[in-house]
Amino acid sequence: MRFLDVVRKLFIYSFFSCLLVSGFTSCRHEIPHKPGFVYMDEKTFKLDDKDFYPMILNYGTELMMGNHTMWIRPSNTGFDDKKLIYTKESALLRLKADLQMIKDLGFNAVRLYGIAEYKVDHNAITKFVDVGRDTTVVLEGEILEKYFQALGDMFKVLDEVGLKSIVLTKKEPDINALTDTYVSKLLQQFKDEKAILAWDFFNEPLYFDRAERRKEDVFTIVKGWKKFSRIYAPNQLFTIGLTGTREMFEWDPNILDVDFLSIHPYEFHKGEVENEIYWYGKYVKTPWVVGETGFSADNDSISYDVQKMYALKFLHRAINCGASGFSWWQYKDTQWYQFQSNFLGLVNNKGTTATSKKDLIINGTVKSAAFVFKNFDTKQKTEGCDCRDNYYNYDGLNQYAVKGRLINGNSGQPIEGGGAVGWDQGFGNSNITFSKADGSFIIYGNYKIYHSMTSATEMSCCRQEFDWDKIPLITENGIPTYNLGTIKLYPLRLEN
């Protein structure tokens, strides 16, 4: 039998064996993996047939122009340091110093934002940085080649340092054909770049997807993105970023055909990060990483040691609950909007620090939280994955309540882990809760709840509207409560 015939038969046998064993849901070896590229084996990242746990640091970059060329620089982050990065040579040297420090701190990947997230209008990318002013770059010919050269120089530095990258780009649901052309050219240009672990097509749809979408439509959109990524970047993985559990009402994590999900839990409410990671660990089948989390510390109002404890706590939490990787937001402190945004970095803006390569020196001093990542054992679970006591009511709200019960409309079985969110009359305040094993849930509020929505992963979504002045109320434990009764949700019918 000819060699090629043997290969074909082996491929066919392994493909159908995978389908039979997995029930058509987990055949993730869709394409042959090549040496040097990261790939997925079920829920485990692999590199050259060895386990690879992505330990990722978010890192901001900007595109510069001058003297008829382009280059990538570290993001200015609001500080007046432009005098250090006017030239291509100084910018790339500083970029390399930052990346070397990131490597020294125990990270093996960066999540790059700022240099590929462009929308295109009239065949041009707008708002490239040009030494203090915005400009427009035509998406063709020599300019496009210079842009790709600048990105190539950055990936070369990543290769030299020994870091992989997740690159954010724009592939929004309703984006125009010109942007699609840009993204296709971008992926095709760097499809053989081993420094790229994955392309992140869309960041946080809860915040940035303004349209209301049926889950079936979201399924179709993401499936199309997966096909797009396989055509133009077959050796690299594909992901999108989700804010957390509230995405289940549209961007349901279990219907998204991605290689892995990136979730972004932050501590807006006490225990929120622990509870969201718990929910993902228990109810999500798709491989997922903590793609963003962080805690601000300026060593004044909040000490660096508190930030360090947060980092250590949630690294353990991610491992215990089955995360396939972990990412911190972000490398360096900023001057953006408010305290919570400005001091999330693992490096401040004071002084200078030498890397392990003595000729590479960064601007800033490393905070103590950064050293948590260096020798962290990603294979050791320290405890189980349980929810916190406030899982069903993050903030302990207790003035009004709406209750109900979720069941599968086909089988009549109760739904555990479904979501129920309630809003006040003007949609200004809201609270989310989850259904228990018997399908019951209670949404609490310190305001009257006029709108609610219920769903569960891989199930339909249902909305409720009611007026507190016109509905009969009961009082439970002294709390005025409206009973929605039994709510039937139905399994989604998704067409492959």
Protein backbone atom coordinates (compact mmCIF):
# COMPACT_ATOMS: atom_id res chain seq x y z
CA MET A 1 0.00 0.00 0.00
CA ARG A 2 1.34 3.39 -0.91
CA PHE A 3 2.48 5.65 1.94
CA LEU A 4 -0.12 8.34 1.20
CA ASP A 5 -2.91 5.76 1.25
CA VAL A 6 -1.77 4.61 4.70
CA VAL A 7 -1.75 8.21 5.96
CA ARG A 8 -5.25 8.82 4.61
CA LYS A 9 -6.61 5.65 6.23
CA LEU A 10 -4.98 6.47 9.56
CA PHE A 11 -6.43 9.98 9.45
CA ILE A 12 -9.93 8.72 8.62
CA TYR A 13 -9.76 6.04 11.33
CA SER A 14 -8.56 8.47 14.00
CA PHE A 15 -11.14 11.10 13.00
CA PHE A 16 -14.14 8.77 13.22
CA SER A 17 -12.78 7.13 16.37
CA CYS A 18 -12.65 10.56 17.94
CA LEU A 19 -16.26 11.23 16.94
CA LEU A 20 -17.47 7.93 18.34
CA VAL A 21 -15.66 8.35 21.63
CA SER A 22 -16.46 12.01 22.16
CA GLY A 23 -20.04 12.17 20.96
CA PHE A 24 -19.05 14.68 18.26
CA THR A 25 -18.16 17.38 20.81
CA SER A 26 -14.47 17.34 21.57
CA CYS A 27 -12.44 16.52 18.47
CA ARG A 28 -9.95 19.32 18.85
CA HIS A 29 -7.20 17.87 16.62
CA GLU A 30 -8.84 19.47 13.59
CA ILE A 31 -5.53 20.17 11.89
CA PRO A 32 -2.06 18.64 12.21
CA HIS A 33 0.03 20.53 14.75
CA LYS A 34 3.48 21.72 13.73
CA PRO A 35 6.64 21.97 15.84
CA GLY A 36 6.89 25.28 17.67
CA PHE A 37 3.15 26.05 17.57
CA VAL A 38 0.91 25.77 20.62
CA TYR A 39 -2.12 23.51 20.16
CA MET A 40 -4.97 22.09 22.25
CA ASP A 41 -5.29 18.49 23.42
CA GLU A 42 -8.76 18.45 24.99
CA LYS A 43 -8.41 21.10 27.72
CA THR A 44 -4.61 21.13 27.84
CA PHE A 45 -2.35 23.41 25.84
CA LYS A 46 0.57 21.59 24.25
CA LEU A 47 3.86 22.74 22.74
CA ASP A 48 6.03 20.18 20.97
CA ASP A 49 4.00 17.40 22.62
CA LYS A 50 4.63 18.74 26.14
CA ASP A 51 2.10 20.36 28.46
CA PHE A 52 2.17 24.15 28.19
CA TYR A 53 0.27 26.12 30.82
CA PRO A 54 -0.08 29.68 29.49
CA MET A 55 1.04 32.14 32.16
CA ILE A 56 0.15 35.39 30.44
CA LEU A 57 0.67 39.08 31.10
CA ASN A 58 -1.38 41.70 29.25
CA TYR A 59 0.95 44.14 27.49
CA GLY A 60 0.06 47.36 25.65
CA THR A 61 1.78 48.47 22.46
CA GLU A 62 1.43 51.31 19.95
CA LEU A 63 2.43 51.84 16.35
CA MET A 64 4.79 54.72 15.56
CA MET A 65 5.67 56.36 12.25
CA GLY A 66 8.62 58.53 11.22
CA ASN A 67 11.40 58.82 8.68
CA HIS A 68 9.40 56.78 6.16
CA THR A 69 9.21 53.73 8.38
CA MET A 70 7.05 52.22 11.15
CA TRP A 71 7.82 50.49 14.41
CA ILE A 72 6.18 49.18 17.57
CA ARG A 73 6.76 50.81 20.94
CA PRO A 74 5.54 49.99 24.44
CA SER A 75 2.29 51.79 25.20
CA ASN A 76 2.81 55.24 26.64
CA THR A 77 0.14 54.48 29.31
CA GLY A 78 -0.42 58.21 29.84
CA PHE A 79 3.07 59.05 31.09
CA ASP A 80 5.42 61.58 29.52
CA ASP A 81 8.16 59.27 28.29
CA LYS A 82 8.06 60.01 24.55
CA LYS A 83 11.63 61.31 24.53
CA LEU A 84 12.80 57.74 25.11
CA ILE A 85 10.99 56.21 22.16
CA TYR A 86 11.13 58.56 19.21
CA THR A 87 13.44 56.28 17.23
CA LYS A 88 12.86 52.76 16.01
CA GLU A 89 16.04 51.53 17.67
CA SER A 90 15.25 52.92 21.14
CA ALA A 91 11.65 51.71 20.95
CA LEU A 92 12.61 48.14 20.06
CA LEU A 93 15.30 48.14 22.76
CA ARG A 94 12.78 49.21 25.37
CA LEU A 95 10.27 46.70 24.06
CA LYS A 96 12.87 43.95 24.39
CA ALA A 97 13.74 45.05 27.93
CA ASP A 98 10.07 44.90 28.98
CA LEU A 99 9.57 41.49 27.40
CA GLN A 100 12.74 40.17 29.01
CA MET A 101 11.51 41.33 32.41
CA ILE A 102 8.18 39.60 31.75
CA LYS A 103 10.09 36.40 30.93
CA ASP A 104 12.24 36.81 34.06
CA LEU A 105 9.11 37.05 36.20
CA GLY A 106 7.96 33.60 35.10
CA PHE A 107 5.48 34.42 32.33
CA ASN A 108 5.64 32.45 29.08
CA ALA A 109 3.22 34.57 27.04
CA VAL A 110 1.86 38.07 26.59
CA ARG A 111 -1.57 39.22 25.47
CA LEU A 112 -0.90 42.09 23.08
CA TYR A 113 -3.42 44.88 22.81
CA GLY A 114 -3.26 48.13 20.86
CA ILE A 115 -1.46 47.28 17.61
CA ALA A 116 -3.88 45.11 15.60
CA GLU A 117 -7.31 46.18 16.85
CA TYR A 118 -8.20 48.42 13.93
CA LYS A 119 -11.44 49.03 12.11
CA VAL A 120 -11.05 50.00 8.48
CA ASP A 121 -13.02 52.69 6.67
CA HIS A 122 -12.58 53.69 3.04
CA ASN A 123 -9.66 51.29 2.67
CA ALA A 124 -7.68 52.92 5.47
CA ILE A 125 -6.70 52.21 9.05
CA THR A 126 -7.24 55.30 11.17
CA LYS A 127 -5.62 56.63 14.32
CA PHE A 128 -2.14 55.25 14.06
CA VAL A 129 0.23 57.10 16.37
CA ASP A 130 2.57 59.44 14.51
CA VAL A 131 4.76 61.21 17.07
CA GLY A 132 1.94 62.94 18.85
CA ARG A 133 -0.71 63.17 16.13
CA ASP A 134 -3.24 60.86 14.54
CA THR A 135 -2.90 59.93 10.92
CA THR A 136 -4.51 57.68 8.34
CA VAL A 137 -2.78 54.74 6.73
CA VAL A 138 -3.96 53.36 3.43
CA LEU A 139 -4.46 49.62 3.65
CA GLU A 140 -2.49 48.66 0.58
CA GLY A 141 0.88 48.69 -1.12
CA GLU A 142 4.02 50.01 0.52
CA ILE A 143 2.33 51.33 3.68
CA LEU A 144 0.76 47.98 4.43
CA GLU A 145 4.13 46.30 3.91
CA LYS A 146 5.74 48.71 6.40
CA TYR A 147 3.03 47.97 8.93
CA PHE A 148 3.59 44.25 8.56
CA GLN A 149 7.35 44.81 8.83
CA ALA A 150 6.83 46.64 12.14
CA LEU A 151 4.75 43.76 13.47
CA GLY A 152 7.35 41.31 12.20
CA ASP A 153 10.09 43.16 14.10
CA MET A 154 8.02 42.84 17.28
CA PHE A 155 7.42 39.11 16.79
CA LYS A 156 11.16 38.68 16.19
CA VAL A 157 11.83 40.22 19.61
CA LEU A 158 9.26 37.89 21.17
CA ASP A 159 11.03 34.94 19.56
CA GLU A 160 14.41 36.11 20.83
CA VAL A 161 13.12 36.50 24.39
CA GLY A 162 11.19 33.21 24.26
CA LEU A 163 7.59 34.38 24.73
CA LYS A 164 4.39 33.39 22.96
CA SER A 165 1.64 35.93 22.31
CA ILE A 166 -2.13 36.26 22.05
CA VAL A 167 -2.89 39.08 19.62
CA LEU A 168 -6.11 41.11 19.88
CA THR A 169 -7.66 42.13 16.60
CA LYS A 170 -11.07 43.35 15.40
CA LYS A 171 -13.50 40.77 14.03
CA GLU A 172 -16.75 42.23 15.31
CA PRO A 173 -20.12 40.68 14.41
CA ASP A 174 -21.35 43.53 12.17
CA ILE A 175 -18.01 44.74 10.92
CA ASN A 176 -17.56 45.86 7.32
CA ALA A 177 -15.90 43.96 4.48
CA LEU A 178 -12.87 46.27 4.49
CA THR A 179 -12.02 45.29 8.06
CA ASP A 180 -12.47 41.64 7.13
CA THR A 181 -9.97 42.20 4.32
CA TYR A 182 -7.51 43.76 6.75
CA VAL A 183 -7.87 40.91 9.26
CA SER A 184 -7.51 38.26 6.56
CA LYS A 185 -4.30 39.90 5.29
CA LEU A 186 -3.01 40.21 8.85
CA LEU A 187 -3.59 36.54 9.69
CA GLN A 188 -2.27 35.31 6.37
CA GLN A 189 0.88 37.42 6.70
CA PHE A 190 1.74 35.87 10.08
CA LYS A 191 0.26 32.38 9.78
CA ASP A 192 3.75 30.85 10.09
CA GLU A 193 4.80 33.02 13.05
CA LYS A 194 5.52 30.69 15.97
CA ALA A 195 5.50 33.56 18.47
CA ILE A 196 1.71 33.78 18.01
CA LEU A 197 -0.18 31.39 20.27
CA ALA A 198 -3.64 32.67 19.32
CA TRP A 199 -5.68 35.43 17.73
CA ASP A 200 -8.30 37.05 19.97
CA PHE A 201 -11.07 38.15 17.57
CA PHE A 202 -13.46 40.00 19.87
CA ASN A 203 -13.11 41.44 23.35
CA GLU A 204 -15.94 41.49 25.92
CA PRO A 205 -19.17 41.43 23.88
CA LEU A 206 -21.20 42.30 27.00
CA TYR A 207 -19.65 45.77 26.82
CA PHE A 208 -18.77 46.18 23.15
CA ASP A 209 -21.46 44.33 21.21
CA ARG A 210 -24.28 46.85 21.25
CA ALA A 211 -26.78 44.72 19.33
CA GLU A 212 -29.19 42.31 20.99
CA ARG A 213 -28.61 38.85 19.53
CA ARG A 214 -30.25 35.47 19.66
CA LYS A 215 -27.95 32.72 20.88
CA GLU A 216 -28.48 30.90 17.59
CA ASP A 217 -27.12 33.93 15.72
CA VAL A 218 -24.12 34.19 18.03
CA PHE A 219 -23.41 30.50 17.41
CA THR A 220 -23.41 31.11 13.65
CA ILE A 221 -21.19 34.20 13.93
CA VAL A 222 -18.51 32.48 16.00
CA LYS A 223 -18.60 29.35 13.88
CA GLY A 224 -17.89 31.58 10.88
CA TRP A 225 -14.98 33.17 12.74
CA LYS A 226 -13.54 29.73 13.47
CA LYS A 227 -13.70 28.85 9.78
CA PHE A 228 -12.09 32.21 8.95
CA SER A 229 -9.22 31.57 11.37
CA ARG A 230 -8.64 28.07 9.99
CA ILE A 231 -8.43 29.42 6.44
CA TYR A 232 -6.01 32.26 7.13
CA ALA A 233 -4.07 31.13 10.24
CA PRO A 234 -4.35 27.32 10.42
CA ASN A 235 -1.37 26.87 12.76
CA GLN A 236 -2.57 29.30 15.43
CA LEU A 237 -5.43 29.08 17.91
CA PHE A 238 -8.59 31.18 17.99
CA THR A 239 -10.24 32.74 21.05
CA ILE A 240 -12.56 35.53 22.16
CA GLY A 241 -12.76 37.30 25.52
CA LEU A 242 -15.84 37.18 27.77
CA THR A 243 -16.49 39.34 30.81
CA GLY A 244 -17.94 36.51 32.88
CA THR A 245 -21.21 34.76 33.75
CA ARG A 246 -23.49 37.52 32.42
CA GLU A 247 -22.41 36.62 28.90
CA MET A 248 -24.54 33.44 29.09
CA PHE A 249 -27.67 35.36 28.03
CA GLU A 250 -26.26 35.93 24.51
CA TRP A 251 -22.61 34.87 24.17
CA ASP A 252 -23.19 31.56 25.89
CA PRO A 253 -19.73 30.02 26.49
CA ASN A 254 -20.80 26.47 25.63
CA ILE A 255 -22.06 27.38 22.15
CA LEU A 256 -18.95 29.29 21.06
CA ASP A 257 -16.84 27.28 18.62
CA VAL A 258 -13.43 28.49 19.80
CA ASP A 259 -10.24 26.66 20.67
CA PHE A 260 -10.42 28.17 24.14
CA LEU A 261 -12.29 30.95 25.94
CA SER A 262 -10.74 33.89 27.73
CA ILE A 263 -12.76 35.10 30.74
CA HIS A 264 -12.26 38.45 32.47
CA PRO A 265 -13.48 38.42 36.09
CA TYR A 266 -12.81 41.45 38.29
CA GLU A 267 -13.77 42.11 41.90
CA PHE A 268 -16.58 44.64 41.41
CA HIS A 269 -18.46 42.79 44.16
CA LYS A 270 -17.06 40.88 47.12
CA GLY A 271 -16.27 37.31 46.11
CA GLU A 272 -17.23 37.91 42.47
CA VAL A 273 -14.01 36.50 40.99
CA GLU A 274 -14.14 33.35 43.11
CA ASN A 275 -17.79 32.77 42.26
CA GLU A 276 -17.37 33.37 38.52
CA ILE A 277 -14.38 31.02 38.32
CA TYR A 278 -16.41 28.44 40.25
CA TRP A 279 -19.29 28.74 37.75
CA TYR A 280 -16.96 28.32 34.78
CA GLY A 281 -15.28 25.35 36.38
CA LYS A 282 -18.59 23.59 37.03
CA TYR A 283 -20.71 24.42 34.00
CA VAL A 284 -18.47 25.24 31.02
CA LYS A 285 -17.28 22.43 28.75
CA THR A 286 -15.07 24.52 26.47
CA PRO A 287 -11.43 24.98 27.57
CA TRP A 288 -11.03 28.36 29.27
CA VAL A 289 -8.33 30.57 30.68
CA VAL A 290 -8.52 33.53 33.01
CA GLY A 291 -7.68 36.07 30.31
CA GLU A 292 -7.82 39.14 32.53
CA THR A 293 -7.97 39.79 36.22
CA GLY A 294 -6.15 42.18 38.48
CA PHE A 295 -6.14 44.25 41.64
CA SER A 296 -4.96 47.86 41.96
CA ALA A 297 -2.29 48.76 44.49
CA ASP A 298 -0.24 51.95 44.84
CA ASN A 299 1.49 50.94 48.10
CA ASP A 300 -0.17 53.92 49.76
CA SER A 301 -3.93 53.50 50.11
CA ILE A 302 -3.54 49.81 49.20
CA SER A 303 -0.27 48.02 49.85
CA TYR A 304 1.61 45.92 47.34
CA ASP A 305 1.30 42.98 49.72
CA VAL A 306 -2.51 43.02 49.32
CA GLN A 307 -2.08 42.86 45.55
CA LYS A 308 0.35 39.98 46.02
CA MET A 309 -2.16 38.04 48.13
CA TYR A 310 -4.84 38.60 45.48
CA ALA A 311 -2.57 37.26 42.71
CA LEU A 312 -1.64 34.16 44.71
CA LYS A 313 -5.22 33.51 45.78
CA PHE A 314 -6.65 33.58 42.27
CA LEU A 315 -3.81 31.66 40.68
CA HIS A 316 -4.70 28.84 43.07
CA ARG A 317 -8.40 29.37 42.41
CA ALA A 318 -7.91 29.06 38.66
CA ILE A 319 -5.94 25.83 39.00
CA ASN A 320 -8.41 24.33 41.48
CA CYS A 321 -11.38 25.06 39.21
CA GLY A 322 -9.84 23.72 36.01
CA ALA A 323 -8.59 26.79 34.15
CA SER A 324 -6.26 25.91 31.29
CA GLY A 325 -4.22 29.11 31.73
CA PHE A 326 -3.98 32.38 33.66
CA SER A 327 -3.49 36.00 32.65
CA TRP A 328 -2.96 39.17 34.68
CA TRP A 329 -4.02 42.67 33.68
CA GLN A 330 -1.49 44.23 33.22
CA TYR A 331 2.28 44.76 32.92
CA LYS A 332 2.56 48.39 34.03
CA ASP A 333 0.67 51.07 35.92
CA THR A 334 -1.17 53.63 33.80
CA GLN A 335 -2.64 57.10 33.98
CA TRP A 336 -6.09 56.42 32.61
CA TYR A 337 -9.35 57.11 34.41
CA GLN A 338 -9.40 56.22 38.09
CA PHE A 339 -7.55 54.40 40.84
CA GLN A 340 -9.02 51.02 39.93
CA SER A 341 -7.59 51.33 36.42
CA ASN A 342 -4.30 53.07 37.13
CA PHE A 343 -2.52 50.73 39.53
CA LEU A 344 -3.25 47.25 38.19
CA GLY A 345 0.28 46.85 36.84
CA LEU A 346 2.97 44.53 38.18
CA VAL A 347 5.50 47.29 37.49
CA ASN A 348 5.17 50.89 38.69
CA ASN A 349 6.64 54.01 37.06
CA LYS A 350 9.33 54.75 39.62
CA GLY A 351 13.05 54.30 39.03
CA THR A 352 14.65 51.69 36.81
CA THR A 353 15.28 47.95 37.13
CA ALA A 354 17.80 45.68 35.41
CA THR A 355 16.64 42.45 33.80
CA SER A 356 18.57 39.18 33.82
CA LYS A 357 20.26 40.55 30.69
CA LYS A 358 22.22 43.34 32.34
CA ASP A 359 22.20 45.53 29.23
CA LEU A 360 18.39 45.52 29.20
CA ILE A 361 16.91 47.90 31.77
CA ILE A 362 13.23 48.76 32.21
CA ASN A 363 11.70 52.02 33.38
CA GLY A 364 9.93 51.24 36.64
CA THR A 365 10.20 49.04 39.70
CA VAL A 366 8.69 45.57 39.99
CA LYS A 367 5.94 45.16 42.61
CA SER A 368 5.95 42.19 44.98
CA ALA A 369 2.89 40.60 43.31
CA ALA A 370 4.97 39.97 40.19
CA PHE A 371 7.16 37.43 41.97
CA VAL A 372 4.16 35.17 42.71
CA PHE A 373 4.26 33.90 39.12
CA LYS A 374 7.91 32.88 38.96
CA ASN A 375 7.82 29.45 40.57
CA PHE A 376 4.10 28.82 40.81
CA ASP A 377 3.24 25.13 40.42
CA THR A 378 0.50 24.99 37.80
CA LYS A 379 0.00 21.23 38.28
CA GLN A 380 -0.76 21.24 41.98
CA LYS A 381 -4.32 21.66 43.23
CA THR A 382 -4.46 22.98 46.77
CA GLU A 383 -8.18 22.47 47.48
CA GLY A 384 -11.53 21.89 45.82
CA CYS A 385 -13.58 24.35 43.81
CA ASP A 386 -16.52 25.49 45.90
CA CYS A 387 -18.61 28.63 45.64
CA ARG A 388 -18.53 31.31 48.32
CA ASP A 389 -21.35 31.81 50.81
CA ASN A 390 -22.54 34.88 48.85
CA TYR A 391 -22.73 33.02 45.51
CA TYR A 392 -26.50 33.57 45.24
CA ASN A 393 -26.45 37.22 46.38
CA TYR A 394 -23.05 38.91 46.00
CA ASP A 395 -23.86 42.09 47.91
CA GLY A 396 -26.35 40.78 50.46
CA LEU A 397 -29.23 42.87 49.04
CA ASN A 398 -32.43 42.40 51.04
CA GLN A 399 -35.20 44.94 50.37
CA TYR A 400 -36.99 43.39 47.38
CA ALA A 401 -36.94 39.98 45.70
CA VAL A 402 -38.12 38.14 42.61
CA LYS A 403 -38.17 34.36 42.67
CA GLY A 404 -38.85 31.55 40.23
CA ARG A 405 -37.86 28.09 39.10
CA LEU A 406 -36.10 27.03 35.89
CA ILE A 407 -36.96 23.76 34.21
CA ASN A 408 -36.14 22.11 30.90
CA GLY A 409 -39.27 22.64 28.79
CA ASN A 410 -38.78 19.33 27.01
CA SER A 411 -37.94 17.01 29.89
CA GLY A 412 -39.46 18.86 32.83
CA GLN A 413 -36.18 18.44 34.74
CA PRO A 414 -34.93 21.30 36.94
CA ILE A 415 -32.00 23.35 35.63
CA GLU A 416 -29.06 23.93 37.96
CA GLY A 417 -26.57 26.72 37.29
CA GLY A 418 -28.91 28.80 35.17
CA GLY A 419 -28.69 32.57 35.39
CA ALA A 420 -31.31 35.11 36.48
CA VAL A 421 -30.63 38.83 36.40
CA GLY A 422 -32.95 41.62 37.53
CA TRP A 423 -32.87 45.39 36.85
CA ASP A 424 -34.49 48.41 38.38
CA GLN A 425 -36.98 50.45 36.33
CA GLY A 426 -34.33 52.48 34.50
CA PHE A 427 -31.85 49.61 34.03
CA GLY A 428 -29.36 51.48 36.23
CA ASN A 429 -28.96 48.83 38.95
CA SER A 430 -28.94 45.08 38.55
CA ASN A 431 -28.13 41.87 40.36
CA ILE A 432 -27.46 38.35 39.09
CA THR A 433 -28.08 35.01 40.75
CA PHE A 434 -28.03 31.34 39.81
CA SER A 435 -30.50 28.49 40.03
CA LYS A 436 -30.03 25.73 42.59
CA ALA A 437 -30.24 21.96 42.05
CA ASP A 438 -34.06 22.10 42.20
CA GLY A 439 -34.10 24.92 39.63
CA SER A 440 -35.15 27.59 42.13
CA PHE A 441 -33.64 31.07 42.22
CA ILE A 442 -34.19 34.38 44.02
CA ILE A 443 -33.00 37.73 42.64
CA TYR A 444 -32.51 40.23 45.45
CA GLY A 445 -32.33 44.00 45.15
CA ASN A 446 -32.28 47.12 47.30
CA TYR A 447 -34.58 48.55 44.62
CA LYS A 448 -37.79 47.40 42.97
CA ILE A 449 -37.05 44.99 40.13
CA TYR A 450 -39.05 45.77 36.98
CA HIS A 451 -37.15 43.71 34.39
CA SER A 452 -35.63 40.26 34.58
CA MET A 453 -34.04 37.75 32.25
CA THR A 454 -33.38 34.05 32.71
CA SER A 455 -31.34 31.53 30.78
CA ALA A 456 -28.88 28.68 31.16
CA THR A 457 -25.96 27.51 29.10
CA GLU A 458 -27.10 25.80 25.88
CA MET A 459 -30.68 26.80 26.68
CA SER A 460 -33.05 29.48 25.43
CA CYS A 461 -33.43 32.90 27.01
CA CYS A 462 -36.62 34.31 28.55
CA ARG A 463 -37.49 37.90 29.52
CA GLN A 464 -39.97 39.09 32.12
CA GLU A 465 -41.44 42.57 32.68
CA PHE A 466 -43.65 43.55 35.64
CA ASP A 467 -44.90 46.56 37.57
CA TRP A 468 -44.66 46.54 41.36
CA ASP A 469 -47.72 48.77 41.62
CA LYS A 470 -49.93 46.29 39.75
CA ILE A 471 -48.81 42.84 40.86
CA PRO A 472 -49.75 40.77 43.91
CA LEU A 473 -46.88 40.41 46.36
CA ILE A 474 -46.00 37.94 49.04
CA THR A 475 -43.66 38.57 51.91
CA GLU A 476 -40.89 36.08 52.63
CA ASN A 477 -38.59 36.66 55.57
CA GLY A 478 -39.90 40.21 55.71
CA ILE A 479 -38.97 40.92 52.06
CA PRO A 480 -41.63 41.88 49.46
CA THR A 481 -41.30 39.16 46.84
CA TYR A 482 -42.78 38.58 43.39
CA ASN A 483 -43.11 34.95 42.27
CA LEU A 484 -42.45 34.34 38.58
CA GLY A 485 -43.44 30.71 39.00
CA THR A 486 -42.04 27.99 36.76
CA ILE A 487 -40.06 29.20 33.73
CA LYS A 488 -39.52 26.78 30.88
CA LEU A 489 -36.26 27.01 28.99
CA TYR A 490 -35.65 24.93 25.90
CA PRO A 491 -32.46 23.34 24.52
CA LEU A 492 -31.03 25.36 21.66
CA ARG A 493 -31.34 23.92 18.17
CA LEU A 494 -28.01 24.80 16.60
CA GLU A 495 -27.31 23.92 13.00
CA ASN A 496 -23.75 22.92 12.18
